[in-house]
PDB file of N, CA and C in Angstrom:
ATOM      1  N   MET A   1     -85.202  27.224 -40.979  1.00  0.00           N
ATOM      2  CA  MET A   1     -86.696  27.553 -40.574  1.00  0.00           C
ATOM      3  C   MET A   1     -86.888  26.132 -40.400  1.00  0.00           C
ATOM      4  N   LYS A   2     -88.186  25.674 -39.822  1.00  0.00           N
ATOM      5  CA  LYS A   2     -88.763  24.471 -39.973  1.00  0.00           C
ATOM      6  C   LYS A   2     -90.421  24.160 -40.020  1.00  0.00           C
ATOM      7  N   GLU A   3     -91.187  23.495 -40.879  1.00  0.00           N
ATOM      8  CA  GLU A   3     -92.694  23.350 -40.764  1.00  0.00           C
ATOM      9  C   GLU A   3     -92.575  22.229 -39.843  1.00  0.00           C
ATOM     10  N   ILE A   4     -94.316  22.048 -39.330  1.00  0.00           N
ATOM     11  CA  ILE A   4     -94.188  21.598 -38.682  1.00  0.00           C
ATOM     12  C   ILE A   4     -96.261  21.178 -39.521  1.00  0.00           C
ATOM     13  N   LYS A   5     -96.109  19.953 -39.535  1.00  0.00           N
ATOM     14  CA  LYS A   5     -97.577  18.839 -40.051  1.00  0.00           C
ATOM     15  C   LYS A   5     -97.830  18.175 -38.640  1.00  0.00           C
ATOM     16  N   ALA A   6     -99.147  18.222 -38.238  1.00  0.00           N
ATOM     17  CA  ALA A   6     -99.590  17.516 -37.430  1.00  0.00           C
ATOM     18  C   ALA A   6    -100.916  17.036 -37.883  1.00  0.00           C
ATOM     19  N   PHE A   7    -100.712  15.843 -37.829  1.00  0.00           N
ATOM     20  CA  PHE A   7    -102.847  15.223 -37.924  1.00  0.00           C
ATOM     21  C   PHE A   7    -103.210  14.902 -36.601  1.00  0.00           C
ATOM     22  N   ILE A   8    -104.515  15.578 -36.020  1.00  0.00           N
ATOM     23  CA  ILE A   8    -104.751  15.112 -35.078  1.00  0.00           C
ATOM     24  C   ILE A   8    -106.542  15.175 -35.012  1.00  0.00           C
ATOM     25  N   ARG A   9    -106.682  14.496 -34.101  1.00  0.00           N
ATOM     26  CA  ARG A   9    -108.100  14.510 -34.111  1.00  0.00           C
ATOM     27  C   ARG A   9    -109.067  15.466 -33.557  1.00  0.00           C
ATOM     28  N   THR A  10    -109.770  16.034 -34.502  1.00  0.00           N
ATOM     29  CA  THR A  10    -110.843  17.023 -34.468  1.00  0.00           C
ATOM     30  C   THR A  10    -111.082  17.618 -32.965  1.00  0.00           C
ATOM     31  N   GLU A  11    -111.137  17.060 -32.438  1.00  0.00           N
ATOM     32  CA  GLU A  11    -111.774  17.307 -31.044  1.00  0.00           C
ATOM     33  C   GLU A  11    -110.712  18.026 -30.318  1.00  0.00           C
ATOM     34  N   LYS A  12    -109.360  17.837 -30.558  1.00  0.00           N
ATOM     35  CA  LYS A  12    -108.119  18.362 -30.141  1.00  0.00           C
ATOM     36  C   LYS A  12    -107.788  19.368 -30.494  1.00  0.00           C
ATOM     37  N   LEU A  13    -108.769  19.883 -31.914  1.00  0.00           N
ATOM     38  CA  LEU A  13    -108.117  21.252 -32.143  1.00  0.00           C
ATOM     39  C   LEU A  13    -108.192  22.508 -31.185  1.00  0.00           C
ATOM     40  N   ASN A  14    -109.228  22.803 -30.786  1.00  0.00           N
ATOM     41  CA  ASN A  14    -109.127  24.105 -29.554  1.00  0.00           C
ATOM     42  C   ASN A  14    -108.665  23.948 -29.018  1.00  0.00           C
ATOM     43  N   LYS A  15    -108.189  22.907 -28.218  1.00  0.00           N
ATOM     44  CA  LYS A  15    -107.094  22.524 -26.736  1.00  0.00           C
ATOM     45  C   LYS A  15    -105.857  23.065 -27.318  1.00  0.00           C
ATOM     46  N   VAL A  16    -105.632  22.191 -28.588  1.00  0.00           N
ATOM     47  CA  VAL A  16    -103.740  22.705 -28.932  1.00  0.00           C
ATOM     48  C   VAL A  16    -103.870  23.885 -29.482  1.00  0.00           C
ATOM     49  N   ALA A  17    -104.904  24.304 -30.460  1.00  0.00           N
ATOM     50  CA  ALA A  17    -105.113  25.644 -30.629  1.00  0.00           C
ATOM     51  C   ALA A  17    -104.308  26.921 -29.391  1.00  0.00           C
ATOM     52  N   GLU A  18    -105.188  26.834 -28.522  1.00  0.00           N
ATOM     53  CA  GLU A  18    -105.351  27.171 -27.514  1.00  0.00           C
ATOM     54  C   GLU A  18    -103.896  27.787 -26.722  1.00  0.00           C
ATOM     55  N   GLN A  19    -103.262  26.111 -26.677  1.00  0.00           N
ATOM     56  CA  GLN A  19    -102.284  26.293 -25.843  1.00  0.00           C
ATOM     57  C   GLN A  19    -101.010  26.642 -27.195  1.00  0.00           C
ATOM     58  N   LEU A  20    -101.165  26.684 -28.425  1.00  0.00           N
ATOM     59  CA  LEU A  20    -100.361  27.474 -29.130  1.00  0.00           C
ATOM     60  C   LEU A  20    -100.409  28.661 -28.875  1.00  0.00           C
ATOM     61  N   LYS A  21    -101.453  29.053 -28.708  1.00  0.00           N
ATOM     62  CA  LYS A  21    -101.411  31.192 -28.749  1.00  0.00           C
ATOM     63  C   LYS A  21    -100.901  31.280 -27.605  1.00  0.00           C
ATOM     64  N   LYS A  22    -101.413  30.605 -26.540  1.00  0.00           N
ATOM     65  CA  LYS A  22    -101.066  30.992 -24.930  1.00  0.00           C
ATOM     66  C   LYS A  22     -99.533  31.348 -25.137  1.00  0.00           C
ATOM     67  N   ASN A  23     -98.980  30.610 -25.412  1.00  0.00           N
ATOM     68  CA  ASN A  23     -97.686  29.860 -25.786  1.00  0.00           C
ATOM     69  C   ASN A  23     -96.641  31.451 -26.700  1.00  0.00           C
ATOM     70  N   LYS A  24     -97.233  32.442 -27.399  1.00  0.00           N
ATOM     71  CA  LYS A  24     -97.131  32.880 -28.358  1.00  0.00           C
ATOM     72  C   LYS A  24     -96.934  32.209 -29.787  1.00  0.00           C
ATOM     73  N   PHE A  25     -97.435  31.439 -30.359  1.00  0.00           N
ATOM     74  CA  PHE A  25     -97.045  30.632 -31.478  1.00  0.00           C
ATOM     75  C   PHE A  25     -98.463  30.818 -31.780  1.00  0.00           C
ATOM     76  N   CYS A  26     -98.653  31.938 -32.485  1.00  0.00           N
ATOM     77  CA  CYS A  26     -99.948  32.463 -33.059  1.00  0.00           C
ATOM     78  C   CYS A  26    -100.496  32.105 -34.810  1.00  0.00           C
ATOM     79  N   CYS A  27     -99.271  32.102 -35.218  1.00  0.00           N
ATOM     80  CA  CYS A  27     -99.276  32.134 -36.716  1.00  0.00           C
ATOM     81  C   CYS A  27     -99.464  30.495 -37.195  1.00  0.00           C
ATOM     82  N   PHE A  28    -100.484  30.138 -37.371  1.00  0.00           N
ATOM     83  CA  PHE A  28    -100.843  28.342 -37.846  1.00  0.00           C
ATOM     84  C   PHE A  28    -102.037  28.690 -39.186  1.00  0.00           C
ATOM     85  N   THR A  29    -101.654  27.476 -39.606  1.00  0.00           N
ATOM     86  CA  THR A  29    -103.161  26.960 -40.501  1.00  0.00           C
ATOM     87  C   THR A  29    -103.739  25.615 -40.634  1.00  0.00           C
ATOM     88  N   VAL A  30    -105.011  25.947 -40.538  1.00  0.00           N
ATOM     89  CA  VAL A  30    -105.813  24.162 -40.380  1.00  0.00           C
ATOM     90  C   VAL A  30    -106.719  23.899 -41.418  1.00  0.00           C
ATOM     91  N   PHE A  31    -106.235  22.823 -41.481  1.00  0.00           N
ATOM     92  CA  PHE A  31    -106.965  22.351 -43.000  1.00  0.00           C
ATOM     93  C   PHE A  31    -108.135  20.998 -41.980  1.00  0.00           C
ATOM     94  N   GLU A  32    -109.369  20.664 -42.488  1.00  0.00           N
ATOM     95  CA  GLU A  32    -110.337  19.514 -41.873  1.00  0.00           C
ATOM     96  C   GLU A  32    -109.910  18.258 -43.607  1.00  0.00           C
ATOM     97  N   GLY A  33    -109.972  16.890 -43.142  1.00  0.00           N
ATOM     98  CA  GLY A  33    -109.772  16.342 -44.053  1.00  0.00           C
ATOM     99  C   GLY A  33    -110.079  15.219 -43.126  1.00  0.00           C
ATOM    100  N   GLU A  34    -110.158  13.987 -44.628  1.00  0.00           N
ATOM    101  CA  GLU A  34    -110.404  12.809 -44.199  1.00  0.00           C
ATOM    102  C   GLU A  34    -109.341  11.674 -44.754  1.00  0.00           C
ATOM    103  N   GLY A  35    -109.298  10.782 -43.942  1.00  0.00           N
ATOM    104  CA  GLY A  35    -107.885   9.680 -44.249  1.00  0.00           C
ATOM    105  C   GLY A  35    -108.438   8.445 -44.709  1.00  0.00           C
ATOM    106  N   VAL A  36    -107.653   7.412 -44.670  1.00  0.00           N
ATOM    107  CA  VAL A  36    -107.587   6.252 -44.568  1.00  0.00           C
ATOM    108  C   VAL A  36    -106.464   5.611 -43.814  1.00  0.00           C
ATOM    109  N   GLY A  37    -106.372   4.568 -42.964  1.00  0.00           N
ATOM    110  CA  GLY A  37    -105.084   4.356 -42.437  1.00  0.00           C
ATOM    111  C   GLY A  37    -105.766   3.082 -41.196  1.00  0.00           C
ATOM    112  N   ASN A  38    -104.776   1.908 -40.882  1.00  0.00           N
ATOM    113  CA  ASN A  38    -105.119   1.231 -39.686  1.00  0.00           C
ATOM    114  C   ASN A  38    -104.368   1.964 -38.412  1.00  0.00           C
ATOM    115  N   TYR A  39    -104.794   3.298 -38.439  1.00  0.00           N
ATOM    116  CA  TYR A  39    -104.627   3.766 -37.068  1.00  0.00           C
ATOM    117  C   TYR A  39    -105.743   4.268 -36.278  1.00  0.00           C
ATOM    118  N   ALA A  40    -106.749   4.398 -37.144  1.00  0.00           N
ATOM    119  CA  ALA A  40    -108.806   4.959 -36.772  1.00  0.00           C
ATOM    120  C   ALA A  40    -108.966   4.485 -35.262  1.00  0.00           C
ATOM    121  N   ASP A  41    -110.137   4.956 -34.766  1.00  0.00           N
ATOM    122  CA  ASP A  41    -110.394   4.393 -33.627  1.00  0.00           C
ATOM    123  C   ASP A  41    -111.953   3.763 -33.825  1.00  0.00           C
ATOM    124  N   PRO A  42    -112.036   2.705 -33.969  1.00  0.00           N
ATOM    125  CA  PRO A  42    -113.177   1.944 -34.106  1.00  0.00           C
ATOM    126  C   PRO A  42    -114.530   2.201 -33.642  1.00  0.00           C
ATOM    127  N   LEU A  43    -114.134   2.838 -32.502  1.00  0.00           N
ATOM    128  CA  LEU A  43    -115.525   3.213 -31.855  1.00  0.00           C
ATOM    129  C   LEU A  43    -116.004   4.725 -32.224  1.00  0.00           C
ATOM    130  N   THR A  44    -115.324   5.605 -32.872  1.00  0.00           N
ATOM    131  CA  THR A  44    -115.522   7.122 -33.387  1.00  0.00           C
ATOM    132  C   THR A  44    -115.899   7.194 -34.417  1.00  0.00           C
ATOM    133  N   GLU A  45    -115.040   6.084 -35.406  1.00  0.00           N
ATOM    134  CA  GLU A  45    -115.217   6.699 -36.956  1.00  0.00           C
ATOM    135  C   GLU A  45    -115.755   6.259 -37.311  1.00  0.00           C
ATOM    136  N   TYR A  46    -116.639   6.902 -38.532  1.00  0.00           N
ATOM    137  CA  TYR A  46    -117.355   6.011 -38.909  1.00  0.00           C
ATOM    138  C   TYR A  46    -117.522   6.806 -40.616  1.00  0.00           C
ATOM    139  N   PRO A  47    -117.645   5.918 -41.903  1.00  0.00           N
ATOM    140  CA  PRO A  47    -117.665   6.397 -42.892  1.00  0.00           C
ATOM    141  C   PRO A  47    -118.500   7.737 -43.477  1.00  0.00           C
ATOM    142  N   SER A  48    -117.628   8.518 -44.080  1.00  0.00           N
ATOM    143  CA  SER A  48    -118.020   9.511 -44.367  1.00  0.00           C
ATOM    144  C   SER A  48    -119.378   9.017 -45.667  1.00  0.00           C
ATOM    145  N   LEU A  49    -119.864  10.774 -45.845  1.00  0.00           N
ATOM    146  CA  LEU A  49    -121.252  10.603 -46.842  1.00  0.00           C
ATOM    147  C   LEU A  49    -120.660  10.695 -48.316  1.00  0.00           C
ATOM    148  N   LYS A  50    -119.531  11.623 -48.104  1.00  0.00           N
ATOM    149  CA  LYS A  50    -118.940  12.438 -49.276  1.00  0.00           C
ATOM    150  C   LYS A  50    -117.780  11.171 -49.836  1.00  0.00           C
ATOM    151  N   PHE A  51    -117.429  10.820 -48.894  1.00  0.00           N
ATOM    152  CA  PHE A  51    -116.089   9.392 -49.059  1.00  0.00           C
ATOM    153  C   PHE A  51    -116.131   8.181 -48.761  1.00  0.00           C
ATOM    154  N   PRO A  52    -116.993   7.460 -49.010  1.00  0.00           N
ATOM    155  CA  PRO A  52    -117.343   6.217 -48.295  1.00  0.00           C
ATOM    156  C   PRO A  52    -116.546   5.174 -47.860  1.00  0.00           C
ATOM    157  N   TYR A  53    -115.394   5.425 -48.656  1.00  0.00           N
ATOM    158  CA  TYR A  53    -114.329   4.333 -48.037  1.00  0.00           C
ATOM    159  C   TYR A  53    -113.307   5.243 -46.973  1.00  0.00           C
ATOM    160  N   LEU A  54    -113.406   6.117 -46.796  1.00  0.00           N
ATOM    161  CA  LEU A  54    -112.766   7.333 -46.022  1.00  0.00           C
ATOM    162  C   LEU A  54    -113.122   7.359 -44.542  1.00  0.00           C
ATOM    163  N   HIS A  55    -112.728   7.054 -43.688  1.00  0.00           N
ATOM    164  CA  HIS A  55    -113.328   6.563 -42.361  1.00  0.00           C
ATOM    165  C   HIS A  55    -112.600   7.398 -41.452  1.00  0.00           C
ATOM    166  N   THR A  56    -111.883   8.505 -41.472  1.00  0.00           N
ATOM    167  CA  THR A  56    -111.111   9.145 -40.553  1.00  0.00           C
ATOM    168  C   THR A  56    -111.357  10.463 -40.531  1.00  0.00           C
ATOM    169  N   LYS A  57    -111.796  11.317 -39.894  1.00  0.00           N
ATOM    170  CA  LYS A  57    -112.167  12.405 -40.134  1.00  0.00           C
ATOM    171  C   LYS A  57    -110.362  13.374 -39.378  1.00  0.00           C
ATOM    172  N   VAL A  58    -109.857  13.968 -39.601  1.00  0.00           N
ATOM    173  CA  VAL A  58    -108.437  14.672 -39.244  1.00  0.00           C
ATOM    174  C   VAL A  58    -108.593  15.865 -39.839  1.00  0.00           C
ATOM    175  N   ILE A  59    -107.785  16.618 -38.285  1.00  0.00           N
ATOM    176  CA  ILE A  59    -107.487  18.444 -38.388  1.00  0.00           C
ATOM    177  C   ILE A  59    -105.757  18.039 -38.771  1.00  0.00           C
ATOM    178  N   LYS A  60    -105.572  18.989 -40.190  1.00  0.00           N
ATOM    179  CA  LYS A  60    -104.019  19.022 -40.431  1.00  0.00           C
ATOM    180  C   LYS A  60    -103.788  20.596 -39.446  1.00  0.00           C
ATOM    181  N   LEU A  61    -102.994  20.745 -39.007  1.00  0.00           N
ATOM    182  CA  LEU A  61    -101.940  21.909 -38.442  1.00  0.00           C
ATOM    183  C   LEU A  61    -100.815  22.159 -39.334  1.00  0.00           C
ATOM    184  N   GLU A  62    -100.528  23.375 -39.612  1.00  0.00           N
ATOM    185  CA  GLU A  62     -99.057  23.249 -39.894  1.00  0.00           C
ATOM    186  C   GLU A  62     -98.948  24.833 -39.726  1.00  0.00           C
ATOM    187  N   ILE A  63     -97.296  24.614 -39.368  1.00  0.00           N
ATOM    188  CA  ILE A  63     -96.929  26.080 -38.776  1.00  0.00           C
ATOM    189  C   ILE A  63     -95.561  25.733 -38.888  1.00  0.00           C
ATOM    190  N   VAL A  64     -95.129  27.046 -39.266  1.00  0.00           N
ATOM    191  CA  VAL A  64     -93.403  27.429 -39.915  1.00  0.00           C
ATOM    192  C   VAL A  64     -92.870  28.292 -38.771  1.00  0.00           C
ATOM    193  N   CYS A  65     -91.402  27.477 -38.284  1.00  0.00           N
ATOM    194  CA  CYS A  65     -91.399  28.239 -37.152  1.00  0.00           C
ATOM    195  C   CYS A  65     -89.623  28.473 -37.161  1.00  0.00           C
ATOM    196  N   SER A  66     -88.761  29.113 -36.101  1.00  0.00           N
ATOM    197  CA  SER A  66     -87.624  28.812 -35.845  1.00  0.00           C
ATOM    198  C   SER A  66     -87.089  27.368 -35.613  1.00  0.00           C
ATOM    199  N   LYS A  67     -86.015  26.926 -35.584  1.00  0.00           N
ATOM    200  CA  LYS A  67     -85.748  25.501 -35.337  1.00  0.00           C
ATOM    201  C   LYS A  67     -85.545  25.744 -33.833  1.00  0.00           C
ATOM    202  N   GLU A  68     -85.539  26.719 -33.259  1.00  0.00           N
ATOM    203  CA  GLU A  68     -85.021  26.871 -31.635  1.00  0.00           C
ATOM    204  C   GLU A  68     -86.504  26.698 -30.915  1.00  0.00           C
ATOM    205  N   ASN A  69     -87.688  26.917 -31.762  1.00  0.00           N
ATOM    206  CA  ASN A  69     -89.091  26.502 -30.711  1.00  0.00           C
ATOM    207  C   ASN A  69     -89.709  25.590 -31.400  1.00  0.00           C
ATOM    208  N   VAL A  70     -88.810  24.550 -32.274  1.00  0.00           N
ATOM    209  CA  VAL A  70     -89.633  23.688 -32.780  1.00  0.00           C
ATOM    210  C   VAL A  70     -90.152  22.366 -31.483  1.00  0.00           C
ATOM    211  N   ASP A  71     -89.258  21.758 -30.732  1.00  0.00           N
ATOM    212  CA  ASP A  71     -89.599  21.101 -29.469  1.00  0.00           C
ATOM    213  C   ASP A  71     -90.641  21.860 -28.372  1.00  0.00           C
ATOM    214  N   SER A  72     -90.518  23.202 -28.382  1.00  0.00           N
ATOM    215  CA  SER A  72     -91.851  23.522 -27.761  1.00  0.00           C
ATOM    216  C   SER A  72     -92.931  23.366 -28.229  1.00  0.00           C
ATOM    217  N   ILE A  73     -93.182  23.567 -29.463  1.00  0.00           N
ATOM    218  CA  ILE A  73     -94.735  23.477 -30.196  1.00  0.00           C
ATOM    219  C   ILE A  73     -95.216  21.755 -30.485  1.00  0.00           C
ATOM    220  N   LEU A  74     -93.864  21.120 -30.402  1.00  0.00           N
ATOM    221  CA  LEU A  74     -94.089  19.706 -30.506  1.00  0.00           C
ATOM    222  C   LEU A  74     -94.687  18.999 -29.460  1.00  0.00           C
ATOM    223  N   THR A  75     -94.142  19.451 -28.095  1.00  0.00           N
ATOM    224  CA  THR A  75     -94.482  19.562 -26.361  1.00  0.00           C
ATOM    225  C   THR A  75     -95.973  19.639 -26.915  1.00  0.00           C
ATOM    226  N   ILE A  76     -96.833  20.856 -26.848  1.00  0.00           N
ATOM    227  CA  ILE A  76     -97.872  21.336 -26.685  1.00  0.00           C
ATOM    228  C   ILE A  76     -98.686  20.261 -27.854  1.00  0.00           C
ATOM    229  N   ILE A  77     -98.349  20.533 -29.025  1.00  0.00           N
ATOM    230  CA  ILE A  77     -99.164  19.344 -29.535  1.00  0.00           C
ATOM    231  C   ILE A  77     -99.176  17.999 -29.040  1.00  0.00           C
ATOM    232  N   LYS A  78     -97.561  17.201 -28.994  1.00  0.00           N
ATOM    233  CA  LYS A  78     -98.341  15.895 -28.200  1.00  0.00           C
ATOM    234  C   LYS A  78     -99.164  16.161 -26.972  1.00  0.00           C
ATOM    235  N   THR A  79     -98.433  16.936 -25.807  1.00  0.00           N
ATOM    236  CA  THR A  79     -99.492  17.175 -24.810  1.00  0.00           C
ATOM    237  C   THR A  79    -101.622  17.468 -24.998  1.00  0.00           C
ATOM    238  N   PHE A  80    -101.202  18.081 -25.660  1.00  0.00           N
ATOM    239  CA  PHE A  80    -102.834  18.513 -25.896  1.00  0.00           C
ATOM    240  C   PHE A  80    -103.538  17.662 -27.264  1.00  0.00           C
ATOM    241  N   ALA A  81    -102.968  16.840 -27.608  1.00  0.00           N
ATOM    242  CA  ALA A  81    -103.986  16.028 -28.770  1.00  0.00           C
ATOM    243  C   ALA A  81    -103.833  14.486 -28.690  1.00  0.00           C
ATOM    244  N   HIS A  82    -103.031  14.421 -27.504  1.00  0.00           N
ATOM    245  CA  HIS A  82    -102.958  12.688 -26.919  1.00  0.00           C
ATOM    246  C   HIS A  82    -104.305  12.650 -26.288  1.00  0.00           C
ATOM    247  N   THR A  83    -104.711  11.518 -26.513  1.00  0.00           N
ATOM    248  CA  THR A  83    -105.853  10.308 -25.638  1.00  0.00           C
ATOM    249  C   THR A  83    -105.429   9.678 -25.177  1.00  0.00           C
ATOM    250  N   GLY A  84    -104.411   8.561 -26.113  1.00  0.00           N
ATOM    251  CA  GLY A  84    -103.745   7.328 -25.053  1.00  0.00           C
ATOM    252  C   GLY A  84    -104.460   6.312 -26.270  1.00  0.00           C
ATOM    253  N   GLU A  85    -105.515   6.487 -27.099  1.00  0.00           N
ATOM    254  CA  GLU A  85    -106.102   5.782 -27.898  1.00  0.00           C
ATOM    255  C   GLU A  85    -105.655   5.825 -29.502  1.00  0.00           C
ATOM    256  N   SER A  86    -105.613   4.780 -30.607  1.00  0.00           N
ATOM    257  CA  SER A  86    -105.887   4.389 -31.994  1.00  0.00           C
ATOM    258  C   SER A  86    -105.852   5.668 -32.436  1.00  0.00           C
ATOM    259  N   GLY A  87    -105.436   6.120 -33.398  1.00  0.00           N
ATOM    260  CA  GLY A  87    -106.062   7.504 -34.062  1.00  0.00           C
ATOM    261  C   GLY A  87    -105.573   8.491 -33.441  1.00  0.00           C
ATOM    262  N   ASP A  88    -104.871   8.888 -32.529  1.00  0.00           N
ATOM    263  CA  ASP A  88    -104.261  10.281 -32.315  1.00  0.00           C
ATOM    264  C   ASP A  88    -103.558  11.175 -33.143  1.00  0.00           C
ATOM    265  N   GLY A  89    -102.840  10.649 -33.962  1.00  0.00           N
ATOM    266  CA  GLY A  89    -102.590  11.197 -35.268  1.00  0.00           C
ATOM    267  C   GLY A  89    -100.891  11.361 -35.214  1.00  0.00           C
ATOM    268  N   ILE A  90    -100.500  11.893 -36.016  1.00  0.00           N
ATOM    269  CA  ILE A  90     -98.838  12.036 -36.165  1.00  0.00           C
ATOM    270  C   ILE A  90     -98.560  13.733 -36.939  1.00  0.00           C
ATOM    271  N   ILE A  91     -97.098  13.462 -36.177  1.00  0.00           N
ATOM    272  CA  ILE A  91     -96.462  14.820 -36.647  1.00  0.00           C
ATOM    273  C   ILE A  91     -95.099  14.589 -37.918  1.00  0.00           C
ATOM    274  N   TYR A  92     -95.127  15.388 -38.582  1.00  0.00           N
ATOM    275  CA  TYR A  92     -93.669  15.713 -39.487  1.00  0.00           C
ATOM    276  C   TYR A  92     -93.142  17.201 -39.314  1.00  0.00           C
ATOM    277  N   VAL A  93     -92.037  16.892 -39.016  1.00  0.00           N
ATOM    278  CA  VAL A  93     -91.095  18.241 -39.224  1.00  0.00           C
ATOM    279  C   VAL A  93     -90.311  18.253 -40.329  1.00  0.00           C
ATOM    280  N   MET A  94     -90.125  19.212 -41.050  1.00  0.00           N
ATOM    281  CA  MET A  94     -89.430  19.233 -42.242  1.00  0.00           C
ATOM    282  C   MET A  94     -88.603  20.920 -42.461  1.00  0.00           C
ATOM    283  N   ASP A  95     -87.742  20.661 -43.367  1.00  0.00           N
ATOM    284  CA  ASP A  95     -86.743  22.014 -43.128  1.00  0.00           C
ATOM    285  C   ASP A  95     -87.889  22.927 -44.176  1.00  0.00           C
ATOM    286  N   VAL A  96     -87.523  23.856 -44.026  1.00  0.00           N
ATOM    287  CA  VAL A  96     -88.132  25.103 -45.034  1.00  0.00           C
ATOM    288  C   VAL A  96     -86.708  26.153 -45.360  1.00  0.00           C
ATOM    289  N   GLU A  97     -86.795  25.670 -46.659  1.00  0.00           N
ATOM    290  CA  GLU A  97     -85.585  26.744 -47.417  1.00  0.00           C
ATOM    291  C   GLU A  97     -85.454  28.152 -47.820  1.00  0.00           C
ATOM    292  N   GLN A  98     -86.878  28.758 -47.526  1.00  0.00           N
ATOM    293  CA  GLN A  98     -86.903  30.181 -47.972  1.00  0.00           C
ATOM    294  C   GLN A  98     -88.690  30.512 -47.254  1.00  0.00           C
ATOM    295  N   LYS A  99     -88.882  32.004 -47.303  1.00  0.00           N
ATOM    296  CA  LYS A  99     -90.059  31.822 -46.700  1.00  0.00           C
ATOM    297  C   LYS A  99     -90.227  33.542 -47.353  1.00  0.00           C
ATOM    298  N   ILE A 100     -91.272  33.673 -47.878  1.00  0.00           N
ATOM    299  CA  ILE A 100     -91.416  35.147 -48.774  1.00  0.00           C
ATOM    300  C   ILE A 100     -92.712  35.311 -48.583  1.00  0.00           C
ATOM    301  N   LYS A 101     -92.954  36.738 -48.408  1.00  0.00           N
ATOM    302  CA  LYS A 101     -94.402  37.030 -48.074  1.00  0.00           C
ATOM    303  C   LYS A 101     -94.450  37.697 -49.321  1.00  0.00           C
ATOM    304  N   ILE A 102     -95.675  37.474 -50.041  1.00  0.00           N
ATOM    305  CA  ILE A 102     -96.515  37.998 -51.406  1.00  0.00           C
ATOM    306  C   ILE A 102     -96.581  39.339 -51.489  1.00  0.00           C
ATOM    307  N   LYS A 103     -96.947  40.011 -50.186  1.00  0.00           N
ATOM    308  CA  LYS A 103     -96.911  41.240 -50.185  1.00  0.00           C
ATOM    309  C   LYS A 103     -95.731  42.245 -50.714  1.00  0.00           C
ATOM    310  N   HIS A 104     -94.518  41.536 -50.093  1.00  0.00           N
ATOM    311  CA  HIS A 104     -92.920  42.022 -50.709  1.00  0.00           C
ATOM    312  C   HIS A 104     -92.540  41.334 -51.805  1.00  0.00           C
ATOM    313  N   ALA A 105     -93.042  40.535 -52.362  1.00  0.00           N
ATOM    314  CA  ALA A 105     -92.527  39.880 -53.335  1.00  0.00           C
ATOM    315  C   ALA A 105     -91.872  40.488 -54.503  1.00  0.00           C
ATOM    316  N   LEU A 106     -92.217  41.878 -54.904  1.00  0.00           N
ATOM    317  CA  LEU A 106     -92.423  42.426 -56.152  1.00  0.00           C
ATOM    318  C   LEU A 106     -90.955  43.550 -55.986  1.00  0.00           C
TER     319      LEU A 106
END
Protein backbone atom coordinates (compact mmCIF):
# COMPACT_ATOMS: atom_id res chain seq x y z
CA MET A 1 0.00 0.00 0.00
CA LYS A 2 1.03 3.60 -0.59
CA GLU A 3 0.20 6.96 0.95
CA ILE A 4 -0.02 10.01 -1.26
CA LYS A 5 0.29 13.46 0.32
CA ALA A 6 -0.43 16.35 -2.00
CA PHE A 7 -0.05 20.00 -1.07
CA ILE A 8 -2.19 22.01 -3.51
CA ARG A 9 -3.74 25.44 -3.94
CA THR A 10 -6.94 25.92 -1.93
CA GLU A 11 -8.94 26.89 -5.01
CA LYS A 12 -8.01 23.62 -6.76
CA LEU A 13 -9.41 21.31 -4.07
CA ASN A 14 -12.96 21.02 -5.42
CA LYS A 15 -11.83 19.99 -8.92
CA VAL A 16 -9.26 17.50 -7.60
CA ALA A 17 -11.74 15.99 -5.12
CA GLU A 18 -14.47 15.81 -7.75
CA GLN A 19 -12.20 13.91 -10.15
CA LEU A 20 -10.91 11.55 -7.45
CA LYS A 21 -14.48 10.64 -6.49
CA LYS A 22 -15.55 10.37 -10.15
CA ASN A 23 -12.73 7.84 -10.66
CA LYS A 24 -13.80 5.80 -7.59
CA PHE A 25 -11.08 7.08 -5.24
CA CYS A 26 -13.61 8.04 -2.61
CA CYS A 27 -11.71 7.98 0.63
CA PHE A 28 -9.22 10.73 1.42
CA THR A 29 -8.55 13.35 4.07
CA VAL A 30 -8.20 17.08 3.57
CA PHE A 31 -6.41 19.57 5.87
CA GLU A 32 -6.13 23.35 5.64
CA GLY A 33 -2.73 24.78 6.37
CA GLU A 34 -0.29 27.60 5.89
CA GLY A 35 3.32 27.38 4.87
CA VAL A 36 6.51 29.24 4.21
CA GLY A 37 8.62 28.69 1.14
CA ASN A 38 10.04 30.05 -2.07
CA TYR A 39 7.16 28.54 -4.01
CA ALA A 40 4.46 31.09 -3.15
CA ASP A 41 2.61 32.98 -5.86
CA PRO A 42 3.34 36.64 -5.00
CA LEU A 43 0.23 37.81 -6.85
CA THR A 44 -2.24 35.80 -4.73
CA GLU A 45 -0.58 35.14 -1.37
CA TYR A 46 -0.73 37.45 1.61
CA PRO A 47 0.40 37.23 5.23
CA SER A 48 -1.97 35.45 7.56
CA LEU A 49 -3.50 37.35 10.46
CA LYS A 50 -3.00 34.28 12.65
CA PHE A 51 0.56 33.57 11.54
CA PRO A 52 2.09 36.78 10.12
CA TYR A 53 5.24 35.07 8.80
CA LEU A 54 3.37 32.31 7.01
CA HIS A 55 2.13 33.46 3.67
CA THR A 56 0.91 30.53 1.63
CA LYS A 57 -2.48 28.98 2.28
CA VAL A 58 -2.46 25.33 1.19
CA ILE A 59 -4.58 22.23 1.23
CA LYS A 60 -3.00 18.93 2.20
CA LEU A 61 -4.80 15.96 0.69
CA GLU A 62 -3.91 12.49 1.99
CA ILE A 63 -5.00 9.23 0.43
CA VAL A 64 -3.91 5.63 1.06
CA CYS A 65 -4.24 3.32 -1.92
CA SER A 66 -2.96 0.17 -3.55
CA LYS A 67 0.31 0.37 -5.47
CA GLU A 68 -1.63 -0.16 -8.71
CA ASN A 69 -3.68 3.04 -8.19
CA VAL A 70 -0.79 5.43 -7.54
CA ASP A 71 -0.22 6.51 -11.16
CA SER A 72 -3.94 7.18 -11.76
CA ILE A 73 -4.25 9.26 -8.60
CA LEU A 74 -1.08 11.20 -9.37
CA THR A 75 -2.35 11.96 -12.87
CA ILE A 76 -5.64 13.30 -11.47
CA ILE A 77 -3.91 15.50 -8.91
CA LYS A 78 -1.31 16.83 -11.35
CA THR A 79 -3.92 17.53 -14.04
CA PHE A 80 -6.54 19.26 -11.89
CA ALA A 81 -4.22 21.09 -9.43
CA HIS A 82 -1.99 22.53 -12.17
CA THR A 83 -1.96 26.24 -13.08
CA GLY A 84 1.59 26.46 -14.37
CA GLU A 85 2.43 29.16 -11.81
CA SER A 86 4.76 29.11 -8.83
CA GLY A 87 2.97 27.66 -5.80
CA ASP A 88 1.03 24.88 -7.57
CA GLY A 89 2.18 22.44 -4.89
CA ILE A 90 4.09 19.25 -4.33
CA ILE A 91 3.22 15.55 -4.02
CA TYR A 92 4.87 12.86 -1.89
CA VAL A 93 4.37 9.10 -2.23
CA MET A 94 5.35 6.85 0.68
CA ASP A 95 5.09 3.20 1.65
CA VAL A 96 2.42 2.14 4.17
CA GLU A 97 3.36 -0.90 6.21
CA GLN A 98 0.01 -1.63 7.79
CA LYS A 99 -3.61 -0.48 7.95
CA ILE A 100 -5.74 -1.19 11.02
CA LYS A 101 -9.39 -0.19 11.29
CA ILE A 102 -9.97 0.94 14.86
CA LYS A 103 -13.42 -0.63 15.09
CA HIS A 104 -11.81 -4.04 14.43
CA ALA A 105 -8.71 -3.46 16.56
CA LEU A 106 -9.75 -5.42 19.66
